[in-house]
Amino acid sequence: MTQAFSWEVAHDFLVDEGFVTGKNKVSYPFDWKIMGDRFVRHLYLTFFALFLAILLAVPLGVLIERSPLIAQPIIALAGLMQTIPSIALLVFMIPVFGIGVKPAIVALLIYSILPILRNTYVGIKTVDREYLESARGLGLSYWETLFLIKFPLSLPVIIAGIRTAAVINIGTATLAAFIGAGGLGEPIVTGLSLNDTNLILQGAIPAAVLAIFVEIIFSYIERRVKMT
């Protein structure tokens, strides 16, 4: 049982017994260890799901680039999955995976696929034809052209898709606390139930800082790749 949850139970008991009103706020002592554990769990949820999405979406993007007939239906399906509200998608995972980390990772994986898949497909599809003609003139096979020409030139676009997916995941992972996955969403959820702004900020501020930091890091990587 987390410290925040035990304080919530104590608060609910006092309200039930009539010692305090439901409007009273409970003061939660700030604990760096608990915050560190939540931060690590949030990183795990975000980036493990992102890693799985990269393993799935990048090869799939390469595959559908070779088959234009199936490209649009697959991208449309990925887009349709992302239109499902975040909290609804998390709840839909519960009957299949139960509660906790597993359904949260699956939901975050689904949300990560579209930007990575779409950017991989578009990046490879829009490589300048002059480079492709040069590769054909050199007698390169499709796979040689893909790995030596298409993929390196489309890498900045692919990284942009990964960056988008990472930032989306950081925000969506805060909702994973509703299904018991933990992370920085825990103090937000508890703070909302108790109308405690200070507790909400204990989760909201680190999540916002993390999103900004990840955006800056991926932007830097993207610029470096473009320069090479």
C-alpha atoms as a PDB file:
ATOM      1  CA  MET A   1       0.000   0.000   0.000  1.00  0.00           C
ATOM      2  CA  THR A   2       1.439   3.356  -0.966  1.00  0.00           C
ATOM      3  CA  GLN A   3       1.762   6.181   1.531  1.00  0.00           C
ATOM      4  CA  ALA A   4      -0.676   8.345  -0.455  1.00  0.00           C
ATOM      5  CA  PHE A   5      -3.248   5.568  -0.419  1.00  0.00           C
ATOM      6  CA  SER A   6      -2.912   5.035   3.355  1.00  0.00           C
ATOM      7  CA  TRP A   7      -3.487   8.747   3.933  1.00  0.00           C
ATOM      8  CA  GLU A   8      -6.571   8.539   1.734  1.00  0.00           C
ATOM      9  CA  VAL A   9      -7.935   5.599   3.753  1.00  0.00           C
ATOM     10  CA  ALA A  10      -7.348   7.500   6.998  1.00  0.00           C
ATOM     11  CA  HIS A  11      -9.101  10.556   5.568  1.00  0.00           C
ATOM     12  CA  ASP A  12     -12.102   8.490   4.447  1.00  0.00           C
ATOM     13  CA  PHE A  13     -12.349   6.934   7.937  1.00  0.00           C
ATOM     14  CA  LEU A  14     -12.377  10.345   9.605  1.00  0.00           C
ATOM     15  CA  VAL A  15     -15.077  11.540   7.207  1.00  0.00           C
ATOM     16  CA  ASP A  16     -17.215   8.435   7.860  1.00  0.00           C
ATOM     17  CA  GLU A  17     -16.896   8.894  11.614  1.00  0.00           C
ATOM     18  CA  GLY A  18     -17.852  12.555  11.341  1.00  0.00           C
ATOM     19  CA  PHE A  19     -14.600  13.918  12.749  1.00  0.00           C
ATOM     20  CA  VAL A  20     -13.923  15.950   9.584  1.00  0.00           C
ATOM     21  CA  THR A  21     -15.993  16.991   6.583  1.00  0.00           C
ATOM     22  CA  GLY A  22     -15.340  15.746   3.087  1.00  0.00           C
ATOM     23  CA  LYS A  23     -14.189  19.221   2.125  1.00  0.00           C
ATOM     24  CA  ASN A  24     -11.235  19.120   4.501  1.00  0.00           C
ATOM     25  CA  LYS A  25      -7.926  18.475   2.831  1.00  0.00           C
ATOM     26  CA  VAL A  26      -5.314  16.028   4.038  1.00  0.00           C
ATOM     27  CA  SER A  27      -1.726  17.281   4.086  1.00  0.00           C
ATOM     28  CA  TYR A  28       0.575  14.774   2.437  1.00  0.00           C
ATOM     29  CA  PRO A  29       4.258  14.892   3.422  1.00  0.00           C
ATOM     30  CA  PHE A  30       6.476  14.987   0.361  1.00  0.00           C
ATOM     31  CA  ASP A  31       8.606  11.851   0.147  1.00  0.00           C
ATOM     32  CA  TRP A  32      11.500  11.792  -2.333  1.00  0.00           C
ATOM     33  CA  LYS A  33      11.715   7.996  -2.266  1.00  0.00           C
ATOM     34  CA  ILE A  34       8.058   7.569  -3.171  1.00  0.00           C
ATOM     35  CA  MET A  35       8.413  10.227  -5.868  1.00  0.00           C
ATOM     36  CA  GLY A  36      11.497   8.458  -7.228  1.00  0.00           C
ATOM     37  CA  ASP A  37       9.656   5.126  -7.353  1.00  0.00           C
ATOM     38  CA  ARG A  38       6.748   6.737  -9.191  1.00  0.00           C
ATOM     39  CA  PHE A  39       9.103   8.451 -11.618  1.00  0.00           C
ATOM     40  CA  VAL A  40      10.925   5.193 -12.406  1.00  0.00           C
ATOM     41  CA  ARG A  41       7.602   3.383 -12.917  1.00  0.00           C
ATOM     42  CA  HIS A  42       6.437   6.163 -15.232  1.00  0.00           C
ATOM     43  CA  LEU A  43       9.628   5.906 -17.275  1.00  0.00           C
ATOM     44  CA  TYR A  44       9.194   2.140 -17.497  1.00  0.00           C
ATOM     45  CA  LEU A  45       5.591   2.381 -18.679  1.00  0.00           C
ATOM     46  CA  THR A  46       6.409   5.068 -21.227  1.00  0.00           C
ATOM     47  CA  PHE A  47       9.590   3.774 -22.774  1.00  0.00           C
ATOM     48  CA  PHE A  48       8.987   0.038 -22.653  1.00  0.00           C
ATOM     49  CA  ALA A  49       5.749   0.575 -24.580  1.00  0.00           C
ATOM     50  CA  LEU A  50       7.621   2.929 -26.926  1.00  0.00           C
ATOM     51  CA  PHE A  51      10.342   0.317 -27.485  1.00  0.00           C
ATOM     52  CA  LEU A  52       7.743  -2.327 -28.365  1.00  0.00           C
ATOM     53  CA  ALA A  53       6.009   0.133 -30.710  1.00  0.00           C
ATOM     54  CA  ILE A  54       9.284   0.817 -32.538  1.00  0.00           C
ATOM     55  CA  LEU A  55       9.905  -2.924 -32.967  1.00  0.00           C
ATOM     56  CA  LEU A  56       6.412  -3.328 -34.417  1.00  0.00           C
ATOM     57  CA  ALA A  57       5.721  -0.104 -36.334  1.00  0.00           C
ATOM     58  CA  VAL A  58       9.054   0.472 -38.123  1.00  0.00           C
ATOM     59  CA  PRO A  59       9.173  -2.956 -39.854  1.00  0.00           C
ATOM     60  CA  LEU A  60       5.456  -2.663 -40.599  1.00  0.00           C
ATOM     61  CA  GLY A  61       6.021   0.767 -42.154  1.00  0.00           C
ATOM     62  CA  VAL A  62       8.752  -0.688 -44.360  1.00  0.00           C
ATOM     63  CA  LEU A  63       6.483  -3.580 -45.338  1.00  0.00           C
ATOM     64  CA  ILE A  64       3.472  -1.488 -46.323  1.00  0.00           C
ATOM     65  CA  GLU A  65       5.701   0.840 -48.363  1.00  0.00           C
ATOM     66  CA  ARG A  66       6.182  -2.124 -50.695  1.00  0.00           C
ATOM     67  CA  SER A  67       2.411  -2.779 -50.818  1.00  0.00           C
ATOM     68  CA  PRO A  68       0.495   0.461 -51.469  1.00  0.00           C
ATOM     69  CA  LEU A  69      -2.836  -1.377 -51.594  1.00  0.00           C
ATOM     70  CA  ILE A  70      -2.645  -2.328 -47.915  1.00  0.00           C
ATOM     71  CA  ALA A  71      -0.834   0.806 -46.713  1.00  0.00           C
ATOM     72  CA  GLN A  72      -3.832   3.109 -46.322  1.00  0.00           C
ATOM     73  CA  PRO A  73      -6.134   0.543 -44.637  1.00  0.00           C
ATOM     74  CA  ILE A  74      -3.434  -0.312 -42.068  1.00  0.00           C
ATOM     75  CA  ILE A  75      -2.634   3.334 -41.352  1.00  0.00           C
ATOM     76  CA  ALA A  76      -6.364   4.080 -41.119  1.00  0.00           C
ATOM     77  CA  LEU A  77      -6.808   1.218 -38.631  1.00  0.00           C
ATOM     78  CA  ALA A  78      -3.934   2.548 -36.497  1.00  0.00           C
ATOM     79  CA  GLY A  79      -5.524   6.002 -36.637  1.00  0.00           C
ATOM     80  CA  LEU A  80      -8.893   4.566 -35.619  1.00  0.00           C
ATOM     81  CA  MET A  81      -7.341   2.910 -32.575  1.00  0.00           C
ATOM     82  CA  GLN A  82      -5.806   6.211 -31.523  1.00  0.00           C
ATOM     83  CA  THR A  83      -9.157   8.002 -31.673  1.00  0.00           C
ATOM     84  CA  ILE A  84     -10.403   5.888 -28.745  1.00  0.00           C
ATOM     85  CA  PRO A  85     -10.257   8.058 -25.588  1.00  0.00           C
ATOM     86  CA  SER A  86      -7.254   7.203 -23.431  1.00  0.00           C
ATOM     87  CA  ILE A  87      -9.155   6.239 -20.306  1.00  0.00           C
ATOM     88  CA  ALA A  88     -11.612   4.153 -22.339  1.00  0.00           C
ATOM     89  CA  LEU A  89      -8.781   2.245 -24.016  1.00  0.00           C
ATOM     90  CA  LEU A  90      -7.198   1.548 -20.634  1.00  0.00           C
ATOM     91  CA  VAL A  91     -10.512   0.238 -19.304  1.00  0.00           C
ATOM     92  CA  PHE A  92     -10.980  -1.954 -22.401  1.00  0.00           C
ATOM     93  CA  MET A  93      -7.675  -3.671 -21.559  1.00  0.00           C
ATOM     94  CA  ILE A  94      -8.860  -4.775 -18.094  1.00  0.00           C
ATOM     95  CA  PRO A  95     -11.080  -7.742 -19.155  1.00  0.00           C
ATOM     96  CA  VAL A  96      -8.191  -9.166 -21.190  1.00  0.00           C
ATOM     97  CA  PHE A  97      -5.104  -8.323 -19.118  1.00  0.00           C
ATOM     98  CA  GLY A  98      -6.523  -7.480 -15.686  1.00  0.00           C
ATOM     99  CA  ILE A  99      -5.315  -4.418 -13.819  1.00  0.00           C
ATOM    100  CA  GLY A 100      -1.787  -3.145 -13.306  1.00  0.00           C
ATOM    101  CA  VAL A 101       1.224  -2.669 -15.558  1.00  0.00           C
ATOM    102  CA  LYS A 102       0.385  -5.100 -18.367  1.00  0.00           C
ATOM    103  CA  PRO A 103      -2.843  -3.455 -19.633  1.00  0.00           C
ATOM    104  CA  ALA A 104      -1.215  -0.032 -19.331  1.00  0.00           C
ATOM    105  CA  ILE A 105       1.725  -1.072 -21.525  1.00  0.00           C
ATOM    106  CA  VAL A 106      -0.581  -2.611 -24.132  1.00  0.00           C
ATOM    107  CA  ALA A 107      -2.701   0.554 -24.262  1.00  0.00           C
ATOM    108  CA  LEU A 108       0.389   2.776 -24.540  1.00  0.00           C
ATOM    109  CA  LEU A 109       1.736   0.491 -27.263  1.00  0.00           C
ATOM    110  CA  ILE A 110      -1.457   0.966 -29.270  1.00  0.00           C
ATOM    111  CA  TYR A 111      -1.229   4.742 -28.880  1.00  0.00           C
ATOM    112  CA  SER A 112       2.412   4.737 -29.994  1.00  0.00           C
ATOM    113  CA  ILE A 113       1.947   2.826 -33.225  1.00  0.00           C
ATOM    114  CA  LEU A 114       0.296   5.468 -35.429  1.00  0.00           C
ATOM    115  CA  PRO A 115       2.921   8.263 -35.380  1.00  0.00           C
ATOM    116  CA  ILE A 116       5.820   5.823 -35.796  1.00  0.00           C
ATOM    117  CA  LEU A 117       4.089   3.771 -38.503  1.00  0.00           C
ATOM    118  CA  ARG A 118       2.918   6.806 -40.469  1.00  0.00           C
ATOM    119  CA  ASN A 119       6.269   8.586 -40.316  1.00  0.00           C
ATOM    120  CA  THR A 120       8.159   5.444 -41.319  1.00  0.00           C
ATOM    121  CA  TYR A 121       5.885   4.943 -44.311  1.00  0.00           C
ATOM    122  CA  VAL A 122       5.947   8.602 -45.376  1.00  0.00           C
ATOM    123  CA  GLY A 123       9.693   8.955 -44.792  1.00  0.00           C
ATOM    124  CA  ILE A 124      10.586   5.973 -46.960  1.00  0.00           C
ATOM    125  CA  LYS A 125       7.925   6.748 -49.574  1.00  0.00           C
ATOM    126  CA  THR A 126       9.085  10.340 -50.112  1.00  0.00           C
ATOM    127  CA  VAL A 127      12.808   9.696 -50.619  1.00  0.00           C
ATOM    128  CA  ASP A 128      13.972  11.737 -53.614  1.00  0.00           C
ATOM    129  CA  ARG A 129      13.719   9.704 -56.818  1.00  0.00           C
ATOM    130  CA  GLU A 130      17.165  10.899 -57.900  1.00  0.00           C
ATOM    131  CA  TYR A 131      18.721   8.830 -55.133  1.00  0.00           C
ATOM    132  CA  LEU A 132      16.667   5.813 -56.140  1.00  0.00           C
ATOM    133  CA  GLU A 133      17.680   6.177 -59.782  1.00  0.00           C
ATOM    134  CA  SER A 134      21.321   6.372 -58.725  1.00  0.00           C
ATOM    135  CA  ALA A 135      20.917   3.224 -56.630  1.00  0.00           C
ATOM    136  CA  ARG A 136      19.291   1.438 -59.550  1.00  0.00           C
ATOM    137  CA  GLY A 137      22.116   2.568 -61.801  1.00  0.00           C
ATOM    138  CA  LEU A 138      24.633   1.083 -59.377  1.00  0.00           C
ATOM    139  CA  GLY A 139      22.775  -2.220 -59.507  1.00  0.00           C
ATOM    140  CA  LEU A 140      21.672  -2.233 -55.862  1.00  0.00           C
ATOM    141  CA  SER A 141      18.955  -4.663 -54.849  1.00  0.00           C
ATOM    142  CA  TYR A 142      15.751  -3.532 -53.116  1.00  0.00           C
ATOM    143  CA  TRP A 143      17.067  -4.390 -49.669  1.00  0.00           C
ATOM    144  CA  GLU A 144      20.425  -2.744 -50.347  1.00  0.00           C
ATOM    145  CA  THR A 145      18.596   0.368 -51.539  1.00  0.00           C
ATOM    146  CA  LEU A 146      16.391   0.264 -48.455  1.00  0.00           C
ATOM    147  CA  PHE A 147      19.184  -0.005 -45.895  1.00  0.00           C
ATOM    148  CA  LEU A 148      21.799   2.121 -47.679  1.00  0.00           C
ATOM    149  CA  ILE A 149      19.603   4.833 -49.234  1.00  0.00           C
ATOM    150  CA  LYS A 150      15.977   4.933 -48.153  1.00  0.00           C
ATOM    151  CA  PHE A 151      16.283   4.231 -44.444  1.00  0.00           C
ATOM    152  CA  PRO A 152      19.169   6.646 -43.695  1.00  0.00           C
ATOM    153  CA  LEU A 153      17.450   9.466 -45.625  1.00  0.00           C
ATOM    154  CA  SER A 154      14.107   8.861 -43.924  1.00  0.00           C
ATOM    155  CA  LEU A 155      15.594   8.496 -40.421  1.00  0.00           C
ATOM    156  CA  PRO A 156      14.875  12.137 -39.355  1.00  0.00           C
ATOM    157  CA  VAL A 157      11.197  11.660 -40.248  1.00  0.00           C
ATOM    158  CA  ILE A 158      11.069   8.352 -38.357  1.00  0.00           C
ATOM    159  CA  ILE A 159      12.678   9.950 -35.288  1.00  0.00           C
ATOM    160  CA  ALA A 160      10.071  12.720 -35.445  1.00  0.00           C
ATOM    161  CA  GLY A 161       7.372  10.049 -35.232  1.00  0.00           C
ATOM    162  CA  ILE A 162       9.099   8.389 -32.273  1.00  0.00           C
ATOM    163  CA  ARG A 163       9.361  11.784 -30.573  1.00  0.00           C
ATOM    164  CA  THR A 164       5.628  12.358 -31.006  1.00  0.00           C
ATOM    165  CA  ALA A 165       4.835   8.894 -29.653  1.00  0.00           C
ATOM    166  CA  ALA A 166       7.103   9.413 -26.624  1.00  0.00           C
ATOM    167  CA  VAL A 167       5.451  12.693 -25.653  1.00  0.00           C
ATOM    168  CA  ILE A 168       1.977  11.189 -26.118  1.00  0.00           C
ATOM    169  CA  ASN A 169       2.946   8.231 -23.931  1.00  0.00           C
ATOM    170  CA  ILE A 170       4.211  10.406 -21.095  1.00  0.00           C
ATOM    171  CA  GLY A 171       0.859  12.174 -20.895  1.00  0.00           C
ATOM    172  CA  THR A 172      -1.255   9.057 -21.374  1.00  0.00           C
ATOM    173  CA  ALA A 173       0.745   7.096 -18.794  1.00  0.00           C
ATOM    174  CA  THR A 174      -0.546   9.413 -16.060  1.00  0.00           C
ATOM    175  CA  LEU A 175      -4.001   7.926 -16.667  1.00  0.00           C
ATOM    176  CA  ALA A 176      -2.616   4.426 -16.090  1.00  0.00           C
ATOM    177  CA  ALA A 177      -2.932   5.065 -12.347  1.00  0.00           C
ATOM    178  CA  PHE A 178      -6.702   4.600 -12.752  1.00  0.00           C
ATOM    179  CA  ILE A 179      -6.095   0.900 -13.469  1.00  0.00           C
ATOM    180  CA  GLY A 180      -3.453   0.398 -10.796  1.00  0.00           C
ATOM    181  CA  ALA A 181      -0.316   0.768 -12.934  1.00  0.00           C
ATOM    182  CA  GLY A 182       1.241   3.425 -10.709  1.00  0.00           C
ATOM    183  CA  GLY A 183       3.551   6.120 -12.012  1.00  0.00           C
ATOM    184  CA  LEU A 184       3.213   9.872 -11.770  1.00  0.00           C
ATOM    185  CA  GLY A 185      -0.533   9.591 -12.225  1.00  0.00           C
ATOM    186  CA  GLU A 186      -0.962   8.201  -8.699  1.00  0.00           C
ATOM    187  CA  PRO A 187      -0.759  11.542  -6.855  1.00  0.00           C
ATOM    188  CA  ILE A 188      -2.876  13.153  -9.578  1.00  0.00           C
ATOM    189  CA  VAL A 189      -5.664  10.601  -9.171  1.00  0.00           C
ATOM    190  CA  THR A 190      -5.528  10.727  -5.373  1.00  0.00           C
ATOM    191  CA  GLY A 191      -5.337  14.528  -5.380  1.00  0.00           C
ATOM    192  CA  LEU A 192      -8.384  14.784  -7.614  1.00  0.00           C
ATOM    193  CA  SER A 193     -10.409  12.508  -5.333  1.00  0.00           C
ATOM    194  CA  LEU A 194      -9.446  14.613  -2.304  1.00  0.00           C
ATOM    195  CA  ASN A 195      -9.495  18.004  -4.026  1.00  0.00           C
ATOM    196  CA  ASP A 196      -5.856  18.477  -2.982  1.00  0.00           C
ATOM    197  CA  THR A 197      -4.029  20.757  -5.419  1.00  0.00           C
ATOM    198  CA  ASN A 198      -0.632  20.230  -3.806  1.00  0.00           C
ATOM    199  CA  LEU A 199      -0.908  16.486  -4.230  1.00  0.00           C
ATOM    200  CA  ILE A 200      -2.019  16.852  -7.853  1.00  0.00           C
ATOM    201  CA  LEU A 201       1.031  19.008  -8.585  1.00  0.00           C
ATOM    202  CA  GLN A 202       3.330  16.320  -7.165  1.00  0.00           C
ATOM    203  CA  GLY A 203       2.437  14.259 -10.214  1.00  0.00           C
ATOM    204  CA  ALA A 204       1.578  16.916 -12.785  1.00  0.00           C
ATOM    205  CA  ILE A 205       4.787  18.961 -12.540  1.00  0.00           C
ATOM    206  CA  PRO A 206       7.246  16.031 -12.920  1.00  0.00           C
ATOM    207  CA  ALA A 207       5.180  14.638 -15.812  1.00  0.00           C
ATOM    208  CA  ALA A 208       5.217  18.016 -17.589  1.00  0.00           C
ATOM    209  CA  VAL A 209       8.960  18.460 -17.016  1.00  0.00           C
ATOM    210  CA  LEU A 210       9.614  14.937 -18.290  1.00  0.00           C
ATOM    211  CA  ALA A 211       7.582  15.595 -21.460  1.00  0.00           C
ATOM    212  CA  ILE A 212       9.492  18.833 -22.149  1.00  0.00           C
ATOM    213  CA  PHE A 213      12.847  17.148 -21.501  1.00  0.00           C
ATOM    214  CA  VAL A 214      12.038  14.245 -23.844  1.00  0.00           C
ATOM    215  CA  GLU A 215      10.862  16.684 -26.526  1.00  0.00           C
ATOM    216  CA  ILE A 216      14.160  18.600 -26.292  1.00  0.00           C
ATOM    217  CA  ILE A 217      16.288  15.431 -26.398  1.00  0.00           C
ATOM    218  CA  PHE A 218      14.507  13.978 -29.427  1.00  0.00           C
ATOM    219  CA  SER A 219      14.579  17.352 -31.209  1.00  0.00           C
ATOM    220  CA  TYR A 220      18.344  17.464 -30.690  1.00  0.00           C
ATOM    221  CA  ILE A 221      18.755  13.895 -31.991  1.00  0.00           C
ATOM    222  CA  GLU A 222      16.602  14.714 -35.014  1.00  0.00           C
ATOM    223  CA  ARG A 223      18.712  17.779 -35.853  1.00  0.00           C
ATOM    224  CA  ARG A 224      21.945  15.811 -35.473  1.00  0.00           C
ATOM    225  CA  VAL A 225      20.678  13.074 -37.791  1.00  0.00           C
ATOM    226  CA  LYS A 226      19.698  15.669 -40.423  1.00  0.00           C
ATOM    227  CA  MET A 227      23.202  17.135 -40.306  1.00  0.00           C
ATOM    228  CA  THR A 228      24.909  13.793 -40.966  1.00  0.00           C
END
